[in-house]
């Protein structure tokens, strides 16, 4: 029987049309939530909307545009009446050695990662305060924790997101808004492209996973995000949760 642990909750999921974000959207809806999906992939968003029906509102938009964050919050309130959960999943980066990364590369990683996360959090805050039991789930990465080669701008953005999340967890706790971070390792289309472009690096990463495989977005990552979004995680905030098969063990 499918759990309805998110019954009655409304959420925003950035990058929510496909990949890990798409998996999160599907699991949220299966567990009773309604979701505003923010993504640039219009075709994927429309397919998802047809599949999941009225439980999903698709908003085509670039997460680096602050106005898109405002529009997403407005859409959640208009269609669902409130906003309970924010998932900042979207981010884009280019993989190059540190000395080859340009200002444009850094702007891309920061604007779609750190600044998008900040903007969506600030846009959502007034509505999350009204909820009285809200959850923000931001996305970090093992690339930042491990210092993955060729990932300087991405790793920097992701570690900045973790720092921001810890501060917000402390400042927003009086409003009963929880802020946690998930660091996934999953076999997405992007990872498949990375594996093709840098097979040695991919093989090395896969060999270091204690559970012996890259995670599945639907089975291994999205349920962890759903747990953090729900009331079962009501005493967790400021934490980084590694959904990576045991690759990184935080202390």
C-alpha atoms as a PDB file:
ATOM      1  CA  UNK A   1       0.000   0.000   0.000  1.00  0.00           C
ATOM      2  CA  UNK A   2       1.342   3.441  -0.919  1.00  0.00           C
ATOM      3  CA  UNK A   3       2.176   5.715   2.007  1.00  0.00           C
ATOM      4  CA  UNK A   4       0.179   8.956   2.183  1.00  0.00           C
ATOM      5  CA  UNK A   5       2.708  10.643   4.468  1.00  0.00           C
ATOM      6  CA  UNK A   6       2.491  13.887   2.471  1.00  0.00           C
ATOM      7  CA  UNK A   7      -1.287  13.974   2.239  1.00  0.00           C
ATOM      8  CA  UNK A   8      -2.581  17.540   2.040  1.00  0.00           C
ATOM      9  CA  UNK A   9       0.838  19.142   1.636  1.00  0.00           C
ATOM     10  CA  UNK A  10       1.788  21.400  -1.260  1.00  0.00           C
ATOM     11  CA  UNK A  11       5.300  21.715  -2.608  1.00  0.00           C
ATOM     12  CA  UNK A  12       7.569  23.405  -5.109  1.00  0.00           C
ATOM     13  CA  UNK A  13      10.206  21.259  -6.795  1.00  0.00           C
ATOM     14  CA  UNK A  14      12.750  23.036  -8.963  1.00  0.00           C
ATOM     15  CA  UNK A  15      14.124  21.016 -11.831  1.00  0.00           C
ATOM     16  CA  UNK A  16      11.148  18.797 -11.114  1.00  0.00           C
ATOM     17  CA  UNK A  17      10.269  17.596 -14.610  1.00  0.00           C
ATOM     18  CA  UNK A  18      12.867  14.863 -15.056  1.00  0.00           C
ATOM     19  CA  UNK A  19      15.848  13.132 -13.461  1.00  0.00           C
ATOM     20  CA  UNK A  20      16.021  13.280  -9.673  1.00  0.00           C
ATOM     21  CA  UNK A  21      13.554  16.176  -9.655  1.00  0.00           C
ATOM     22  CA  UNK A  22      11.053  14.206 -11.715  1.00  0.00           C
ATOM     23  CA  UNK A  23      11.424  11.268  -9.351  1.00  0.00           C
ATOM     24  CA  UNK A  24      10.783  13.561  -6.378  1.00  0.00           C
ATOM     25  CA  UNK A  25       7.659  14.974  -8.025  1.00  0.00           C
ATOM     26  CA  UNK A  26       6.260  11.488  -8.673  1.00  0.00           C
ATOM     27  CA  UNK A  27       6.972  10.228  -5.163  1.00  0.00           C
ATOM     28  CA  UNK A  28       5.475  13.374  -3.618  1.00  0.00           C
ATOM     29  CA  UNK A  29       2.269  12.961  -5.615  1.00  0.00           C
ATOM     30  CA  UNK A  30       2.107   9.230  -4.838  1.00  0.00           C
ATOM     31  CA  UNK A  31       2.280  10.132  -1.146  1.00  0.00           C
ATOM     32  CA  UNK A  32      -0.535  12.668  -1.355  1.00  0.00           C
ATOM     33  CA  UNK A  33       1.190  15.982  -2.094  1.00  0.00           C
ATOM     34  CA  UNK A  34       0.461  18.507  -4.813  1.00  0.00           C
ATOM     35  CA  UNK A  35       3.422  20.016  -6.616  1.00  0.00           C
ATOM     36  CA  UNK A  36       4.409  23.099  -8.579  1.00  0.00           C
ATOM     37  CA  UNK A  37       7.124  21.877 -10.935  1.00  0.00           C
ATOM     38  CA  UNK A  38       9.594  24.533 -12.108  1.00  0.00           C
ATOM     39  CA  UNK A  39      11.719  23.552 -15.085  1.00  0.00           C
ATOM     40  CA  UNK A  40      12.946  24.770 -18.463  1.00  0.00           C
ATOM     41  CA  UNK A  41      12.119  21.418 -20.069  1.00  0.00           C
ATOM     42  CA  UNK A  42       8.643  22.212 -21.323  1.00  0.00           C
ATOM     43  CA  UNK A  43       7.995  18.902 -23.071  1.00  0.00           C
ATOM     44  CA  UNK A  44       9.015  16.872 -20.012  1.00  0.00           C
ATOM     45  CA  UNK A  45       6.892  19.117 -17.818  1.00  0.00           C
ATOM     46  CA  UNK A  46       3.834  18.679 -20.002  1.00  0.00           C
ATOM     47  CA  UNK A  47       4.284  14.905 -20.082  1.00  0.00           C
ATOM     48  CA  UNK A  48       4.515  14.860 -16.289  1.00  0.00           C
ATOM     49  CA  UNK A  49       1.427  17.044 -15.963  1.00  0.00           C
ATOM     50  CA  UNK A  50      -0.577  14.708 -18.176  1.00  0.00           C
ATOM     51  CA  UNK A  51       0.630  11.696 -16.214  1.00  0.00           C
ATOM     52  CA  UNK A  52      -0.081  13.123 -12.758  1.00  0.00           C
ATOM     53  CA  UNK A  53      -3.101  15.304 -13.549  1.00  0.00           C
ATOM     54  CA  UNK A  54      -4.343  18.062 -11.265  1.00  0.00           C
ATOM     55  CA  UNK A  55      -1.783  17.225  -8.588  1.00  0.00           C
ATOM     56  CA  UNK A  56       0.886  18.978 -10.679  1.00  0.00           C
ATOM     57  CA  UNK A  57       1.149  22.537 -11.988  1.00  0.00           C
ATOM     58  CA  UNK A  58       4.002  23.025 -14.442  1.00  0.00           C
ATOM     59  CA  UNK A  59       5.779  26.374 -14.609  1.00  0.00           C
ATOM     60  CA  UNK A  60       8.351  26.846 -17.341  1.00  0.00           C
ATOM     61  CA  UNK A  61      11.104  29.064 -16.014  1.00  0.00           C
ATOM     62  CA  UNK A  62      14.792  29.623 -15.415  1.00  0.00           C
ATOM     63  CA  UNK A  63      15.506  29.194 -11.696  1.00  0.00           C
ATOM     64  CA  UNK A  64      18.246  31.818 -11.878  1.00  0.00           C
ATOM     65  CA  UNK A  65      15.529  34.437 -12.541  1.00  0.00           C
ATOM     66  CA  UNK A  66      14.257  35.752  -9.207  1.00  0.00           C
ATOM     67  CA  UNK A  67      10.852  36.516 -10.743  1.00  0.00           C
ATOM     68  CA  UNK A  68      10.404  32.802 -11.450  1.00  0.00           C
ATOM     69  CA  UNK A  69      10.699  32.056  -7.725  1.00  0.00           C
ATOM     70  CA  UNK A  70       7.973  34.600  -6.984  1.00  0.00           C
ATOM     71  CA  UNK A  71       5.773  33.105  -9.712  1.00  0.00           C
ATOM     72  CA  UNK A  72       6.224  29.581  -8.360  1.00  0.00           C
ATOM     73  CA  UNK A  73       5.148  30.611  -4.859  1.00  0.00           C
ATOM     74  CA  UNK A  74       2.164  32.496  -6.279  1.00  0.00           C
ATOM     75  CA  UNK A  75       1.186  29.422  -8.309  1.00  0.00           C
ATOM     76  CA  UNK A  76       1.304  27.182  -5.240  1.00  0.00           C
ATOM     77  CA  UNK A  77      -0.947  29.531  -3.283  1.00  0.00           C
ATOM     78  CA  UNK A  78      -3.326  30.065  -6.205  1.00  0.00           C
ATOM     79  CA  UNK A  79      -3.769  26.395  -7.088  1.00  0.00           C
ATOM     80  CA  UNK A  80      -3.264  24.680  -3.736  1.00  0.00           C
ATOM     81  CA  UNK A  81      -4.002  27.359  -1.151  1.00  0.00           C
ATOM     82  CA  UNK A  82      -0.698  27.166   0.704  1.00  0.00           C
ATOM     83  CA  UNK A  83       2.948  26.148   0.521  1.00  0.00           C
ATOM     84  CA  UNK A  84       4.380  23.536   2.897  1.00  0.00           C
ATOM     85  CA  UNK A  85       7.534  22.225   1.202  1.00  0.00           C
ATOM     86  CA  UNK A  86      10.278  23.702  -0.971  1.00  0.00           C
ATOM     87  CA  UNK A  87      12.759  21.453  -2.785  1.00  0.00           C
ATOM     88  CA  UNK A  88      15.689  23.260  -4.415  1.00  0.00           C
ATOM     89  CA  UNK A  89      16.923  20.536  -6.738  1.00  0.00           C
ATOM     90  CA  UNK A  90      17.814  22.387  -9.961  1.00  0.00           C
ATOM     91  CA  UNK A  91      21.382  23.377 -10.813  1.00  0.00           C
ATOM     92  CA  UNK A  92      23.599  23.526 -13.892  1.00  0.00           C
ATOM     93  CA  UNK A  93      27.379  23.553 -14.193  1.00  0.00           C
ATOM     94  CA  UNK A  94      30.245  22.911 -16.588  1.00  0.00           C
ATOM     95  CA  UNK A  95      33.000  20.432 -15.807  1.00  0.00           C
ATOM     96  CA  UNK A  96      36.505  21.687 -16.453  1.00  0.00           C
ATOM     97  CA  UNK A  97      39.780  21.912 -14.519  1.00  0.00           C
ATOM     98  CA  UNK A  98      39.737  24.794 -12.042  1.00  0.00           C
ATOM     99  CA  UNK A  99      42.187  26.933 -14.017  1.00  0.00           C
ATOM    100  CA  UNK A 100      40.078  26.586 -17.186  1.00  0.00           C
ATOM    101  CA  UNK A 101      36.770  27.641 -15.673  1.00  0.00           C
ATOM    102  CA  UNK A 102      35.673  31.053 -16.911  1.00  0.00           C
ATOM    103  CA  UNK A 103      33.601  33.748 -15.239  1.00  0.00           C
ATOM    104  CA  UNK A 104      30.647  32.480 -17.273  1.00  0.00           C
ATOM    105  CA  UNK A 105      31.172  28.980 -15.870  1.00  0.00           C
ATOM    106  CA  UNK A 106      31.201  30.348 -12.334  1.00  0.00           C
ATOM    107  CA  UNK A 107      28.153  32.530 -12.977  1.00  0.00           C
ATOM    108  CA  UNK A 108      26.243  29.524 -14.319  1.00  0.00           C
ATOM    109  CA  UNK A 109      26.971  27.367 -11.265  1.00  0.00           C
ATOM    110  CA  UNK A 110      26.278  30.120  -8.764  1.00  0.00           C
ATOM    111  CA  UNK A 111      23.184  31.549 -10.450  1.00  0.00           C
ATOM    112  CA  UNK A 112      21.417  28.201 -10.938  1.00  0.00           C
ATOM    113  CA  UNK A 113      22.706  26.750  -7.666  1.00  0.00           C
ATOM    114  CA  UNK A 114      23.408  29.078  -4.751  1.00  0.00           C
ATOM    115  CA  UNK A 115      21.477  32.157  -5.892  1.00  0.00           C
ATOM    116  CA  UNK A 116      18.482  30.178  -7.145  1.00  0.00           C
ATOM    117  CA  UNK A 117      18.331  28.383  -3.794  1.00  0.00           C
ATOM    118  CA  UNK A 118      18.525  31.710  -1.956  1.00  0.00           C
ATOM    119  CA  UNK A 119      15.878  33.322  -4.145  1.00  0.00           C
ATOM    120  CA  UNK A 120      13.383  30.476  -3.830  1.00  0.00           C
ATOM    121  CA  UNK A 121      13.905  30.314  -0.069  1.00  0.00           C
ATOM    122  CA  UNK A 122      13.283  34.040   0.328  1.00  0.00           C
ATOM    123  CA  UNK A 123      10.265  33.978  -1.985  1.00  0.00           C
ATOM    124  CA  UNK A 124       8.783  31.008  -0.119  1.00  0.00           C
ATOM    125  CA  UNK A 125       9.464  32.243   3.424  1.00  0.00           C
ATOM    126  CA  UNK A 126       6.269  34.271   3.966  1.00  0.00           C
ATOM    127  CA  UNK A 127       4.092  31.305   2.989  1.00  0.00           C
ATOM    128  CA  UNK A 128       6.208  28.755   4.857  1.00  0.00           C
ATOM    129  CA  UNK A 129       5.814  30.850   8.015  1.00  0.00           C
ATOM    130  CA  UNK A 130       2.041  30.565   7.704  1.00  0.00           C
ATOM    131  CA  UNK A 131       2.200  26.767   7.509  1.00  0.00           C
ATOM    132  CA  UNK A 132       3.516  26.275  11.021  1.00  0.00           C
ATOM    133  CA  UNK A 133       5.237  23.026  10.061  1.00  0.00           C
ATOM    134  CA  UNK A 134       7.200  23.558   6.874  1.00  0.00           C
ATOM    135  CA  UNK A 135      10.209  21.921   5.266  1.00  0.00           C
ATOM    136  CA  UNK A 136      12.932  23.140   2.922  1.00  0.00           C
ATOM    137  CA  UNK A 137      15.154  20.545   1.264  1.00  0.00           C
ATOM    138  CA  UNK A 138      18.202  21.892  -0.534  1.00  0.00           C
ATOM    139  CA  UNK A 139      20.670  19.907  -2.592  1.00  0.00           C
ATOM    140  CA  UNK A 140      24.366  19.590  -1.892  1.00  0.00           C
ATOM    141  CA  UNK A 141      26.816  17.206  -3.514  1.00  0.00           C
ATOM    142  CA  UNK A 142      29.589  14.801  -2.725  1.00  0.00           C
ATOM    143  CA  UNK A 143      31.560  16.763  -5.332  1.00  0.00           C
ATOM    144  CA  UNK A 144      31.900  19.540  -2.783  1.00  0.00           C
ATOM    145  CA  UNK A 145      32.516  17.281   0.191  1.00  0.00           C
ATOM    146  CA  UNK A 146      35.213  15.301  -1.628  1.00  0.00           C
ATOM    147  CA  UNK A 147      36.680  18.050  -3.816  1.00  0.00           C
ATOM    148  CA  UNK A 148      35.835  16.228  -7.043  1.00  0.00           C
ATOM    149  CA  UNK A 149      38.260  17.201  -9.840  1.00  0.00           C
ATOM    150  CA  UNK A 150      36.820  19.318 -12.683  1.00  0.00           C
ATOM    151  CA  UNK A 151      33.964  20.500 -10.446  1.00  0.00           C
ATOM    152  CA  UNK A 152      35.349  23.687  -8.866  1.00  0.00           C
ATOM    153  CA  UNK A 153      32.421  26.033  -9.524  1.00  0.00           C
ATOM    154  CA  UNK A 154      29.793  23.336  -8.879  1.00  0.00           C
ATOM    155  CA  UNK A 155      31.471  22.148  -5.677  1.00  0.00           C
ATOM    156  CA  UNK A 156      31.807  25.723  -4.422  1.00  0.00           C
ATOM    157  CA  UNK A 157      28.130  26.451  -5.105  1.00  0.00           C
ATOM    158  CA  UNK A 158      27.011  23.252  -3.387  1.00  0.00           C
ATOM    159  CA  UNK A 159      29.119  23.844  -0.282  1.00  0.00           C
ATOM    160  CA  UNK A 160      27.776  27.407  -0.120  1.00  0.00           C
ATOM    161  CA  UNK A 161      24.265  25.962  -0.204  1.00  0.00           C
ATOM    162  CA  UNK A 162      25.112  23.742   2.759  1.00  0.00           C
ATOM    163  CA  UNK A 163      26.383  26.741   4.716  1.00  0.00           C
ATOM    164  CA  UNK A 164      23.301  28.786   3.857  1.00  0.00           C
ATOM    165  CA  UNK A 165      21.066  25.896   4.887  1.00  0.00           C
ATOM    166  CA  UNK A 166      22.655  25.616   8.325  1.00  0.00           C
ATOM    167  CA  UNK A 167      22.198  29.342   8.954  1.00  0.00           C
ATOM    168  CA  UNK A 168      18.573  29.253   7.779  1.00  0.00           C
ATOM    169  CA  UNK A 169      17.903  26.179   9.921  1.00  0.00           C
ATOM    170  CA  UNK A 170      18.887  28.190  12.999  1.00  0.00           C
ATOM    171  CA  UNK A 171      17.158  31.423  12.013  1.00  0.00           C
ATOM    172  CA  UNK A 172      13.933  29.801  10.825  1.00  0.00           C
ATOM    173  CA  UNK A 173      13.544  27.248  13.622  1.00  0.00           C
ATOM    174  CA  UNK A 174      11.333  29.619  15.682  1.00  0.00           C
ATOM    175  CA  UNK A 175       8.862  29.512  12.774  1.00  0.00           C
ATOM    176  CA  UNK A 176       8.988  25.694  12.782  1.00  0.00           C
ATOM    177  CA  UNK A 177      10.552  25.707   9.322  1.00  0.00           C
ATOM    178  CA  UNK A 178      13.046  22.886   8.953  1.00  0.00           C
ATOM    179  CA  UNK A 179      15.950  23.223   6.498  1.00  0.00           C
ATOM    180  CA  UNK A 180      17.938  20.142   5.494  1.00  0.00           C
ATOM    181  CA  UNK A 181      20.300  19.150   2.696  1.00  0.00           C
ATOM    182  CA  UNK A 182      20.406  15.991   0.580  1.00  0.00           C
ATOM    183  CA  UNK A 183      23.572  14.941  -1.249  1.00  0.00           C
ATOM    184  CA  UNK A 184      22.632  12.280  -3.812  1.00  0.00           C
ATOM    185  CA  UNK A 185      24.598   9.889  -5.949  1.00  0.00           C
ATOM    186  CA  UNK A 186      22.222   8.651  -8.626  1.00  0.00           C
ATOM    187  CA  UNK A 187      22.377   7.345 -12.168  1.00  0.00           C
ATOM    188  CA  UNK A 188      20.649  10.178 -14.011  1.00  0.00           C
ATOM    189  CA  UNK A 189      20.912  11.208 -17.657  1.00  0.00           C
ATOM    190  CA  UNK A 190      23.478  13.805 -16.637  1.00  0.00           C
ATOM    191  CA  UNK A 191      25.582  11.218 -14.838  1.00  0.00           C
ATOM    192  CA  UNK A 192      25.368   8.971 -17.893  1.00  0.00           C
ATOM    193  CA  UNK A 193      26.749  11.827 -20.010  1.00  0.00           C
ATOM    194  CA  UNK A 194      29.509  12.366 -17.462  1.00  0.00           C
ATOM    195  CA  UNK A 195      30.337   8.659 -17.555  1.00  0.00           C
ATOM    196  CA  UNK A 196      30.667   8.819 -21.325  1.00  0.00           C
ATOM    197  CA  UNK A 197      32.803  11.967 -21.243  1.00  0.00           C
ATOM    198  CA  UNK A 198      35.030  10.891 -18.348  1.00  0.00           C
ATOM    199  CA  UNK A 199      34.798   7.077 -18.061  1.00  0.00           C
ATOM    200  CA  UNK A 200      37.819   6.701 -15.794  1.00  0.00           C
ATOM    201  CA  UNK A 201      36.453   9.189 -13.283  1.00  0.00           C
ATOM    202  CA  UNK A 202      33.031   7.551 -13.412  1.00  0.00           C
ATOM    203  CA  UNK A 203      34.455   4.053 -12.888  1.00  0.00           C
ATOM    204  CA  UNK A 204      36.521   5.303  -9.963  1.00  0.00           C
ATOM    205  CA  UNK A 205      33.450   6.883  -8.352  1.00  0.00           C
ATOM    206  CA  UNK A 206      31.296   3.784  -8.860  1.00  0.00           C
ATOM    207  CA  UNK A 207      33.967   1.523  -7.380  1.00  0.00           C
ATOM    208  CA  UNK A 208      34.031   3.612  -4.188  1.00  0.00           C
ATOM    209  CA  UNK A 209      30.306   3.141  -3.393  1.00  0.00           C
ATOM    210  CA  UNK A 210      30.083   0.660  -0.485  1.00  0.00           C
ATOM    211  CA  UNK A 211      26.640  -0.549  -1.589  1.00  0.00           C
ATOM    212  CA  UNK A 212      28.149  -1.267  -4.991  1.00  0.00           C
ATOM    213  CA  UNK A 213      26.049   0.853  -7.321  1.00  0.00           C
ATOM    214  CA  UNK A 214      24.881   4.321  -8.221  1.00  0.00           C
ATOM    215  CA  UNK A 215      21.477   5.048  -6.747  1.00  0.00           C
ATOM    216  CA  UNK A 216      18.170   4.954  -8.544  1.00  0.00           C
ATOM    217  CA  UNK A 217      16.415   8.361  -8.458  1.00  0.00           C
ATOM    218  CA  UNK A 218      12.975   6.838  -7.876  1.00  0.00           C
ATOM    219  CA  UNK A 219      13.840   4.147  -5.331  1.00  0.00           C
ATOM    220  CA  UNK A 220      16.885   5.521  -3.549  1.00  0.00           C
ATOM    221  CA  UNK A 221      16.799   9.337  -3.560  1.00  0.00           C
ATOM    222  CA  UNK A 222      13.217  10.594  -3.877  1.00  0.00           C
ATOM    223  CA  UNK A 223      11.936   8.639  -0.833  1.00  0.00           C
ATOM    224  CA  UNK A 224      14.621  10.275   1.344  1.00  0.00           C
ATOM    225  CA  UNK A 225      13.488  13.709   0.172  1.00  0.00           C
ATOM    226  CA  UNK A 226       9.873  12.710   0.850  1.00  0.00           C
ATOM    227  CA  UNK A 227      10.835  11.646   4.374  1.00  0.00           C
ATOM    228  CA  UNK A 228      12.462  15.025   5.056  1.00  0.00           C
ATOM    229  CA  UNK A 229       9.374  16.778   3.673  1.00  0.00           C
ATOM    230  CA  UNK A 230       7.012  14.888   5.941  1.00  0.00           C
ATOM    231  CA  UNK A 231       6.086  15.020   9.608  1.00  0.00           C
ATOM    232  CA  UNK A 232       8.171  11.941  10.456  1.00  0.00           C
ATOM    233  CA  UNK A 233      11.230  14.201  10.121  1.00  0.00           C
ATOM    234  CA  UNK A 234       9.793  16.995  12.272  1.00  0.00           C
ATOM    235  CA  UNK A 235      12.771  16.884  14.689  1.00  0.00           C
ATOM    236  CA  UNK A 236      15.436  17.094  11.975  1.00  0.00           C
ATOM    237  CA  UNK A 237      16.879  20.399  10.810  1.00  0.00           C
ATOM    238  CA  UNK A 238      20.257  21.729   9.721  1.00  0.00           C
ATOM    239  CA  UNK A 239      21.345  18.248   8.651  1.00  0.00           C
ATOM    240  CA  UNK A 240      23.109  16.958   5.552  1.00  0.00           C
ATOM    241  CA  UNK A 241      21.758  13.560   4.528  1.00  0.00           C
ATOM    242  CA  UNK A 242      23.963  11.481   2.246  1.00  0.00           C
ATOM    243  CA  UNK A 243      21.884   9.504  -0.263  1.00  0.00           C
ATOM    244  CA  UNK A 244      25.007   8.025  -1.804  1.00  0.00           C
ATOM    245  CA  UNK A 245      25.248   4.358  -0.914  1.00  0.00           C
ATOM    246  CA  UNK A 246      27.652   5.056   1.917  1.00  0.00           C
ATOM    247  CA  UNK A 247      30.276   6.874  -0.150  1.00  0.00           C
ATOM    248  CA  UNK A 248      30.615   9.759   2.329  1.00  0.00           C
ATOM    249  CA  UNK A 249      30.220   9.247   6.061  1.00  0.00           C
ATOM    250  CA  UNK A 250      29.835  12.602   7.780  1.00  0.00           C
ATOM    251  CA  UNK A 251      31.026  13.140  11.332  1.00  0.00           C
END
